[in-house]
Amino acid sequence: MGDAEVIALEGRLVREEYTLAGWRGLGAERAAPELVERYIDGILEHFPEEVGAGMTVAVDPGSGPAALTTPDLLSRMGCKVHAINAQPDGTFPGRMPEPTVDGLKALAELVLETGAAFGVAHDGDADRAVFVDDRGRFVEENREFALIARHVCGGRQGVIVTPVSTSQLIEDVAAATGCTVRYTRVGSIYVARTMLGLIAAGIPVAFGGEGNGGLIYPDHQFCRDGGMTAAMMIGMLAEAGRPLSALVDELPPYHFISKRIHTQRPDEVIAAVEAAFPDFSADRTDGVRIAKGKTWALVRRSGTEPIVRVMVEAEDRPSAEAMRDAILERVAPLIV
């Protein structure tokens, strides 16, 4: 559904312009187990046979749908797979569906116990993948994005499409690989639509995704795909011939800060931030993203709560904190 259709539907719900139907008379169910195999085959066709031979990996599908796909997928790529939370269970007994640092401690331990090259975990619907490196460290998702983007974009030119909330790392990768960056509003649907629009206009698109482990491969499909990302990590490490921890550590050490501001005047907050930094460039794709050199900040209103989200990134912690404090000082009179 496009934005206009969503707004129209929300309006009907608010105005209660609908009739309710009994659930027994709606919809249909059909078993299609062959689609699991079709999905796995669709990923495997992008990689050389047995590309992961000799590689040990740890997998935590989080009791979600990836339990039916990722362990088998990586095994068929030649990997030795150790898995936890690998039975589908909608009560999520092993951990919560969101793959957080605390929630993945068991995966990190499994990586260290088995000598795995990495651990991969999925969210509740498996369209995202996040990683633990060979030293048991959580790989922040923007750094994951940068590594895989560098691998995918190496040897091909085009556009990397990503929301305005993504790390400066993607600009660095684009510069190093001969690509450019096209920013969108926050949300994977905007990334996918922009990718499709560019391709329709004859502009090559190399890659897309968000800094939360949700990556989109235009040669595969225009949805975030956690299984494809897990497989791409195998392909990347096989080609690099180096540990994931080494690849992560060689990336520039940006520092990222996120802050929520409660306010009934979100538009005024956004305008005040833009006005306070006249020597910064301003991108109004979603709220306002101001940038100067290697420092940037995004200030955007929530679509569901009376808050404004502030994201700041700089090359080091003091610079990021100074930027955050300057923004908070400027908008203090507008905070409720």
Protein backbone atom coordinates (compact mmCIF):
# COMPACT_ATOMS: atom_id res chain seq x y z
CA MET A 1 0.00 0.00 0.00
CA GLY A 2 1.14 3.50 -0.77
CA ASP A 3 1.06 6.33 1.75
CA ALA A 4 -2.20 7.73 0.38
CA GLU A 5 -3.94 4.37 0.78
CA VAL A 6 -2.64 3.97 4.33
CA ILE A 7 -3.87 7.45 5.29
CA ALA A 8 -7.29 6.72 3.76
CA LEU A 9 -7.54 3.43 5.67
CA GLU A 10 -6.53 5.09 8.94
CA GLY A 11 -9.18 7.73 8.36
CA ARG A 12 -11.87 5.07 7.96
CA LEU A 13 -10.78 3.41 11.19
CA VAL A 14 -10.80 6.68 13.13
CA ARG A 15 -14.23 7.59 11.77
CA GLU A 16 -15.46 4.00 12.29
CA GLU A 17 -16.61 3.83 8.68
CA TYR A 18 -16.64 0.05 8.47
CA THR A 19 -18.66 -3.06 9.23
CA LEU A 20 -17.25 -6.00 11.12
CA ALA A 21 -17.34 -9.52 9.71
CA GLY A 22 -16.94 -12.78 11.58
CA TRP A 23 -13.44 -14.21 11.35
CA ARG A 24 -14.72 -17.66 10.38
CA GLY A 25 -15.93 -16.36 7.03
CA LEU A 26 -12.76 -14.55 6.01
CA GLY A 27 -9.57 -15.69 4.37
CA ALA A 28 -8.23 -19.10 3.48
CA GLU A 29 -5.32 -21.27 4.52
CA ARG A 30 -3.12 -23.40 2.29
CA ALA A 31 -0.05 -25.41 3.22
CA ALA A 32 2.91 -24.63 0.95
CA PRO A 33 6.02 -26.27 2.47
CA GLU A 34 7.74 -26.19 -0.93
CA LEU A 35 8.16 -22.42 -0.58
CA VAL A 36 10.80 -22.92 2.14
CA GLU A 37 12.95 -24.86 -0.33
CA ARG A 38 12.27 -22.30 -3.05
CA TYR A 39 13.41 -19.50 -0.74
CA ILE A 40 16.65 -21.29 0.17
CA ASP A 41 17.37 -22.15 -3.46
CA GLY A 42 16.77 -18.52 -4.43
CA ILE A 43 19.58 -17.44 -2.11
CA LEU A 44 21.99 -20.25 -2.97
CA GLU A 45 21.95 -19.38 -6.66
CA HIS A 46 23.85 -16.16 -5.86
CA PHE A 47 26.88 -17.97 -4.40
CA PRO A 48 29.49 -20.50 -5.56
CA GLU A 49 28.79 -24.07 -4.45
CA GLU A 50 30.24 -24.95 -1.02
CA VAL A 51 31.54 -21.38 -0.60
CA GLY A 52 31.48 -21.83 3.19
CA ALA A 53 33.37 -25.13 3.27
CA GLY A 54 35.46 -25.42 6.43
CA MET A 55 33.69 -22.50 8.14
CA THR A 56 31.91 -22.96 11.48
CA VAL A 57 28.99 -20.66 12.24
CA ALA A 58 26.56 -20.19 15.13
CA VAL A 59 22.92 -19.39 14.43
CA ASP A 60 20.17 -18.02 16.68
CA PRO A 61 16.89 -17.73 14.73
CA GLY A 62 15.15 -16.63 17.94
CA SER A 63 12.42 -19.29 17.57
CA GLY A 64 11.09 -17.39 14.56
CA PRO A 65 10.62 -18.44 10.93
CA ALA A 66 14.37 -18.37 10.21
CA ALA A 67 14.55 -21.57 12.28
CA LEU A 68 13.21 -23.29 9.17
CA THR A 69 15.70 -21.69 6.80
CA THR A 70 18.99 -20.22 8.04
CA PRO A 71 20.56 -23.34 9.65
CA ASP A 72 19.77 -25.39 6.52
CA LEU A 73 20.85 -22.58 4.20
CA LEU A 74 24.28 -22.19 5.79
CA SER A 75 24.75 -25.97 6.00
CA ARG A 76 24.11 -26.21 2.27
CA MET A 77 26.74 -23.53 1.73
CA GLY A 78 29.24 -25.94 3.26
CA CYS A 79 29.33 -24.58 6.82
CA LYS A 80 29.30 -26.52 10.06
CA VAL A 81 26.31 -25.04 11.90
CA HIS A 82 25.61 -24.85 15.64
CA ALA A 83 22.14 -23.52 16.42
CA ILE A 84 20.15 -22.37 19.44
CA ASN A 85 16.51 -21.27 19.61
CA ALA A 86 16.09 -23.17 16.35
CA GLN A 87 12.53 -24.47 16.80
CA PRO A 88 9.67 -22.18 15.73
CA ASP A 89 7.75 -21.09 18.81
CA GLY A 90 5.60 -17.97 18.92
CA THR A 91 6.02 -17.65 22.69
CA PHE A 92 9.75 -16.99 22.11
CA PRO A 93 11.03 -19.02 25.08
CA GLY A 94 14.76 -18.45 24.50
CA ARG A 95 14.88 -14.68 24.05
CA MET A 96 12.73 -11.79 22.94
CA PRO A 97 12.30 -11.47 19.15
CA GLU A 98 14.38 -8.27 18.92
CA PRO A 99 18.06 -9.33 18.69
CA THR A 100 19.66 -7.03 21.28
CA VAL A 101 23.16 -7.14 22.78
CA ASP A 102 21.84 -8.57 26.06
CA GLY A 103 19.55 -11.01 24.30
CA LEU A 104 22.41 -12.47 22.27
CA LYS A 105 24.74 -13.35 25.15
CA ALA A 106 24.01 -17.05 24.65
CA LEU A 107 24.89 -16.74 20.97
CA ALA A 108 28.16 -14.96 21.83
CA GLU A 109 29.02 -17.78 24.25
CA LEU A 110 28.25 -20.36 21.56
CA VAL A 111 30.56 -18.57 19.12
CA LEU A 112 33.43 -18.70 21.61
CA GLU A 113 32.75 -22.31 22.65
CA THR A 114 32.67 -23.61 19.07
CA GLY A 115 35.34 -21.39 17.54
CA ALA A 116 32.79 -20.09 15.04
CA ALA A 117 33.69 -17.52 12.42
CA PHE A 118 30.62 -15.56 13.53
CA GLY A 119 27.18 -15.82 15.04
CA VAL A 120 24.06 -14.64 13.25
CA ALA A 121 20.69 -13.84 14.81
CA HIS A 122 17.35 -12.83 13.35
CA ASP A 123 14.42 -10.76 14.48
CA GLY A 124 10.88 -12.08 14.83
CA ASP A 125 10.05 -12.12 11.11
CA ALA A 126 13.59 -12.84 9.85
CA ASP A 127 13.89 -9.88 7.48
CA ARG A 128 16.89 -8.63 9.46
CA ALA A 129 20.15 -10.26 10.51
CA VAL A 130 22.62 -9.10 13.15
CA PHE A 131 26.01 -10.56 13.96
CA VAL A 132 28.41 -11.49 16.71
CA ASP A 133 32.03 -11.60 15.55
CA ASP A 134 34.60 -14.35 16.15
CA ARG A 135 35.60 -12.69 19.44
CA GLY A 136 32.03 -12.79 20.75
CA ARG A 137 31.42 -9.07 20.23
CA PHE A 138 28.12 -7.68 18.97
CA VAL A 139 28.63 -6.03 15.57
CA GLU A 140 26.73 -2.73 15.57
CA GLU A 141 24.31 -2.82 12.65
CA ASN A 142 25.67 0.23 10.83
CA ARG A 143 29.09 -1.42 10.79
CA GLU A 144 27.51 -4.61 9.48
CA PHE A 145 25.83 -2.54 6.74
CA ALA A 146 29.15 -0.89 5.83
CA LEU A 147 31.06 -4.17 5.58
CA ILE A 148 28.48 -5.91 3.45
CA ALA A 149 27.96 -2.81 1.29
CA ARG A 150 31.71 -2.69 0.64
CA HIS A 151 31.65 -6.35 -0.36
CA VAL A 152 28.56 -6.07 -2.57
CA CYS A 153 29.63 -2.80 -4.21
CA GLY A 154 33.22 -3.80 -4.88
CA GLY A 155 33.69 -3.98 -8.62
CA ARG A 156 30.33 -2.42 -9.46
CA GLN A 157 29.21 1.17 -9.54
CA GLY A 158 25.79 2.51 -8.74
CA VAL A 159 23.70 4.02 -5.99
CA ILE A 160 23.49 2.85 -2.40
CA VAL A 161 20.02 3.73 -1.11
CA THR A 162 19.54 4.23 2.61
CA PRO A 163 17.55 6.37 5.09
CA VAL A 164 18.85 9.65 6.46
CA SER A 165 19.35 7.90 9.83
CA THR A 166 22.23 5.76 8.55
CA SER A 167 25.84 6.17 9.64
CA GLN A 168 28.47 8.21 7.83
CA LEU A 169 30.18 4.87 7.26
CA ILE A 170 28.02 4.37 4.17
CA GLU A 171 29.35 7.59 2.65
CA ASP A 172 32.87 6.29 3.30
CA VAL A 173 32.09 2.96 1.62
CA ALA A 174 30.49 4.70 -1.35
CA ALA A 175 33.53 6.94 -1.83
CA ALA A 176 35.88 3.95 -1.66
CA THR A 177 33.91 1.84 -4.15
CA GLY A 178 32.93 4.50 -6.68
CA CYS A 179 29.28 4.50 -5.65
CA THR A 180 27.02 7.34 -4.56
CA VAL A 181 24.45 7.54 -1.76
CA ARG A 182 20.78 8.42 -2.16
CA TYR A 183 18.97 9.18 1.10
CA THR A 184 15.32 8.42 1.83
CA ARG A 185 12.87 8.85 4.65
CA VAL A 186 13.28 6.42 7.54
CA GLY A 187 11.68 3.06 6.74
CA SER A 188 12.55 0.15 4.48
CA ILE A 189 9.53 0.74 2.26
CA TYR A 190 10.99 4.10 1.22
CA VAL A 191 14.34 2.48 0.49
CA ALA A 192 12.71 -0.18 -1.69
CA ARG A 193 10.51 2.31 -3.56
CA THR A 194 13.49 4.57 -4.25
CA MET A 195 15.57 1.65 -5.52
CA LEU A 196 12.79 0.60 -7.89
CA GLY A 197 12.27 4.18 -9.04
CA LEU A 198 15.95 4.69 -9.83
CA ILE A 199 16.15 1.44 -11.77
CA ALA A 200 13.03 2.37 -13.73
CA ALA A 201 14.77 5.65 -14.61
CA GLY A 202 17.81 3.78 -15.93
CA ILE A 203 20.03 4.59 -12.94
CA PRO A 204 22.04 1.59 -11.67
CA VAL A 205 21.43 0.62 -8.05
CA ALA A 206 24.13 -1.34 -6.26
CA PHE A 207 22.66 -1.89 -2.81
CA GLY A 208 20.19 -0.67 -0.23
CA GLY A 209 19.27 -1.04 3.40
CA GLU A 210 18.99 0.40 6.87
CA GLY A 211 21.38 0.62 9.79
CA ASN A 212 19.39 -1.97 11.75
CA GLY A 213 20.44 -5.17 9.96
CA GLY A 214 17.72 -4.88 7.31
CA LEU A 215 19.52 -5.04 3.95
CA ILE A 216 18.10 -5.15 0.42
CA TYR A 217 19.86 -6.86 -2.50
CA PRO A 218 18.53 -5.61 -5.85
CA ASP A 219 19.79 -8.68 -7.72
CA HIS A 220 17.76 -10.86 -5.33
CA GLN A 221 14.57 -9.08 -4.27
CA PHE A 222 13.38 -5.68 -3.06
CA CYS A 223 12.57 -6.72 0.50
CA ARG A 224 14.85 -6.85 3.52
CA ASP A 225 16.14 -10.43 3.73
CA GLY A 226 17.88 -11.77 6.83
CA GLY A 227 18.69 -15.12 5.24
CA MET A 228 20.38 -13.45 2.29
CA THR A 229 22.38 -11.29 4.69
CA ALA A 230 23.54 -14.36 6.64
CA ALA A 231 24.63 -15.98 3.38
CA MET A 232 26.34 -12.78 2.22
CA MET A 233 28.44 -12.80 5.39
CA ILE A 234 29.68 -16.27 4.40
CA GLY A 235 30.52 -15.03 0.92
CA MET A 236 32.26 -11.94 2.26
CA LEU A 237 34.46 -13.81 4.73
CA ALA A 238 35.32 -16.50 2.21
CA GLU A 239 36.53 -13.83 -0.20
CA ALA A 240 38.30 -11.72 2.43
CA GLY A 241 40.18 -14.61 4.04
CA ARG A 242 40.30 -12.62 7.29
CA PRO A 243 38.34 -12.80 10.56
CA LEU A 244 35.19 -10.73 10.92
CA SER A 245 36.66 -9.03 14.00
CA ALA A 246 39.58 -7.70 11.94
CA LEU A 247 37.25 -6.35 9.27
CA VAL A 248 35.10 -4.62 11.88
CA ASP A 249 38.07 -3.07 13.67
CA GLU A 250 39.48 -1.48 10.52
CA LEU A 251 36.33 0.60 9.96
CA PRO A 252 36.44 4.25 11.08
CA PRO A 253 35.42 4.54 14.77
CA TYR A 254 32.38 6.79 14.56
CA HIS A 255 30.41 7.49 17.74
CA PHE A 256 26.60 7.46 17.60
CA ILE A 257 24.13 8.92 20.15
CA SER A 258 20.34 8.70 20.12
CA LYS A 259 17.99 10.79 22.25
CA ARG A 260 14.19 11.08 22.58
CA ILE A 261 12.67 14.50 23.28
CA HIS A 262 9.10 14.73 24.57
CA THR A 263 7.38 17.76 23.08
CA GLN A 264 4.01 18.96 21.82
CA ARG A 265 5.79 21.25 19.34
CA PRO A 266 7.81 18.89 17.11
CA ASP A 267 7.82 21.12 14.03
CA GLU A 268 9.17 24.03 16.06
CA VAL A 269 11.91 21.81 17.49
CA ILE A 270 12.98 20.74 14.01
CA ALA A 271 12.95 24.32 12.71
CA ALA A 272 14.92 25.55 15.72
CA VAL A 273 17.67 23.00 15.17
CA GLU A 274 18.03 23.89 11.51
CA ALA A 275 18.17 27.60 12.32
CA ALA A 276 20.77 27.09 15.06
CA PHE A 277 23.37 25.62 12.70
CA PRO A 278 23.42 27.86 9.61
CA ASP A 279 26.88 26.68 8.55
CA PHE A 280 25.71 23.05 8.36
CA SER A 281 24.14 21.60 5.21
CA ALA A 282 20.48 20.70 5.70
CA ASP A 283 18.60 17.74 4.22
CA ARG A 284 14.83 17.91 4.79
CA THR A 285 14.00 14.43 3.48
CA ASP A 286 12.69 13.36 6.91
CA GLY A 287 12.68 16.05 9.59
CA VAL A 288 16.05 17.71 9.12
CA ARG A 289 19.50 16.17 8.82
CA ILE A 290 22.26 18.71 9.33
CA ALA A 291 25.85 17.86 8.47
CA LYS A 292 29.29 19.42 8.47
CA GLY A 293 32.40 17.40 7.76
CA LYS A 294 32.15 14.09 9.59
CA THR A 295 29.53 15.29 12.07
CA TRP A 296 25.80 15.06 11.43
CA ALA A 297 22.53 15.09 13.35
CA LEU A 298 19.04 13.97 12.42
CA VAL A 299 16.01 15.50 14.14
CA ARG A 300 12.68 13.97 13.15
CA ARG A 301 9.23 13.67 14.66
CA SER A 302 7.69 10.35 15.60
CA GLY A 303 4.66 9.25 13.65
CA THR A 304 3.11 7.56 16.69
CA GLU A 305 4.17 9.48 19.82
CA PRO A 306 4.54 13.14 20.93
CA ILE A 307 8.31 12.91 20.69
CA VAL A 308 11.15 14.03 18.48
CA ARG A 309 14.05 11.67 17.88
CA VAL A 310 17.53 13.15 17.81
CA MET A 311 20.42 11.14 16.36
CA VAL A 312 23.97 12.44 16.37
CA GLU A 313 27.15 10.94 14.93
CA ALA A 314 30.73 12.19 14.94
CA GLU A 315 34.24 10.80 14.66
CA ASP A 316 34.68 10.64 18.44
CA ARG A 317 32.60 10.68 21.62
CA PRO A 318 33.44 14.26 22.76
CA SER A 319 32.41 15.69 19.38
CA ALA A 320 29.17 13.71 19.34
CA GLU A 321 28.30 14.70 22.90
CA ALA A 322 29.07 18.37 22.20
CA MET A 323 26.74 18.29 19.21
CA ARG A 324 24.00 16.62 21.21
CA ASP A 325 24.32 19.11 24.04
CA ALA A 326 24.20 22.06 21.64
CA ILE A 327 20.97 20.74 20.11
CA LEU A 328 19.35 20.09 23.51
CA GLU A 329 20.30 23.55 24.74
CA ARG A 330 18.77 25.15 21.67
CA VAL A 331 15.43 23.31 21.92
CA ALA A 332 15.13 23.36 25.73
CA PRO A 333 12.35 26.03 25.72
CA LEU A 334 10.27 23.81 23.42
CA ILE A 335 10.47 20.63 25.50
CA VAL A 336 7.38 19.68 27.52
